Amino acid sequence: MTEPFVGSEGILGIATEITLHILKTLEAICILLAYFTDIEATRQAVADIVSAVIILAGMEIMNNLCINAVERCSSH
């Protein structure tokens, strides 16, 4: 790290200790799309995934309004 970093409100940050965790190579890569009928079921699924220590590259939630907007834009 050759440049300083800035904390909240523009305060200069100083790293006094850095820990590096090296992860093993992934055994598999997969993409999953899941549909949930309510937000509580979605929240529970996310909690279960996190507690299972599954390494994720990303996770996002889209409600019906967002899905409809994406479909409208992708049809052009």
Protein backbone atom coordinates (compact mmCIF):
# COMPACT_ATOMS: atom_id res chain seq x y z
CA MET A 1 0.00 0.00 0.00
CA THR A 2 1.85 3.06 -1.23
CA GLU A 3 -0.78 5.76 -0.75
CA PRO A 4 -2.46 6.94 2.48
CA PHE A 5 -6.14 6.31 2.91
CA VAL A 6 -8.81 8.70 4.15
CA GLY A 7 -11.29 7.78 6.89
CA SER A 8 -14.66 9.29 7.68
CA GLU A 9 -15.00 13.06 7.46
CA GLY A 10 -11.69 13.34 5.61
CA ILE A 11 -9.54 12.19 8.52
CA LEU A 12 -6.24 10.60 7.48
CA GLY A 13 -6.16 6.90 8.32
CA ILE A 14 -3.06 5.04 9.43
CA ALA A 15 -2.79 1.24 9.24
CA THR A 16 -1.04 -0.09 12.33
CA GLU A 17 -1.72 -3.75 11.61
CA ILE A 18 -2.87 -5.60 8.50
CA THR A 19 -4.07 -9.20 8.45
CA LEU A 20 -4.12 -11.19 5.22
CA HIS A 21 -6.40 -14.21 4.89
CA ILE A 22 -5.50 -16.43 1.96
CA LEU A 23 -8.40 -18.48 0.64
CA LYS A 24 -8.00 -21.76 -1.16
CA THR A 25 -8.93 -22.05 -4.81
CA LEU A 26 -12.65 -22.42 -5.36
CA GLU A 27 -13.85 -25.95 -6.04
CA ALA A 28 -16.83 -24.75 -8.05
CA ILE A 29 -18.38 -21.57 -9.38
CA CYS A 30 -22.11 -21.30 -9.87
CA ILE A 31 -24.78 -18.70 -10.48
CA LEU A 32 -28.14 -19.03 -8.76
CA LEU A 33 -31.40 -17.18 -9.26
CA ALA A 34 -34.00 -17.65 -6.54
CA TYR A 35 -37.55 -16.37 -6.22
CA PHE A 36 -39.12 -15.66 -2.82
CA THR A 37 -42.73 -14.77 -2.12
CA ASP A 38 -41.98 -12.40 0.75
CA ILE A 39 -39.12 -10.43 2.26
CA GLU A 40 -38.97 -12.55 5.43
CA ALA A 41 -38.25 -15.71 3.40
CA THR A 42 -35.57 -13.76 1.52
CA ARG A 43 -34.02 -12.53 4.76
CA GLN A 44 -33.93 -16.05 6.18
CA ALA A 45 -32.26 -17.42 3.04
CA VAL A 46 -29.55 -14.74 3.23
CA ALA A 47 -29.01 -15.46 6.93
CA ASP A 48 -28.71 -19.20 6.21
CA ILE A 49 -26.19 -18.63 3.41
CA VAL A 50 -24.05 -16.34 5.57
CA SER A 51 -24.15 -18.73 8.54
CA ALA A 52 -23.12 -21.63 6.27
CA VAL A 53 -19.91 -19.69 5.49
CA ILE A 54 -20.50 -19.86 1.76
CA ILE A 55 -18.12 -17.49 -0.03
CA LEU A 56 -20.09 -15.20 -2.31
CA ALA A 57 -18.91 -12.88 -5.03
CA GLY A 58 -22.16 -10.97 -4.79
CA MET A 59 -25.80 -11.07 -3.80
CA GLU A 60 -28.60 -8.73 -4.72
CA ILE A 61 -32.30 -8.43 -4.17
CA MET A 62 -34.73 -7.06 -6.70
CA ASN A 63 -38.40 -6.39 -6.09
CA ASN A 64 -41.07 -6.50 -8.79
CA LEU A 65 -40.65 -2.79 -9.57
CA CYS A 66 -36.92 -3.27 -10.29
CA ILE A 67 -37.51 -6.41 -12.35
CA ASN A 68 -40.11 -4.63 -14.49
CA ALA A 69 -37.74 -1.69 -15.07
CA VAL A 70 -34.94 -4.04 -16.16
CA GLU A 71 -37.28 -5.87 -18.51
CA ARG A 72 -38.47 -2.58 -20.07
CA CYS A 73 -34.90 -1.37 -20.63
CA SER A 74 -33.59 -4.68 -21.99
CA SER A 75 -36.34 -4.97 -24.60
CA HIS A 76 -34.94 -2.01 -26.62
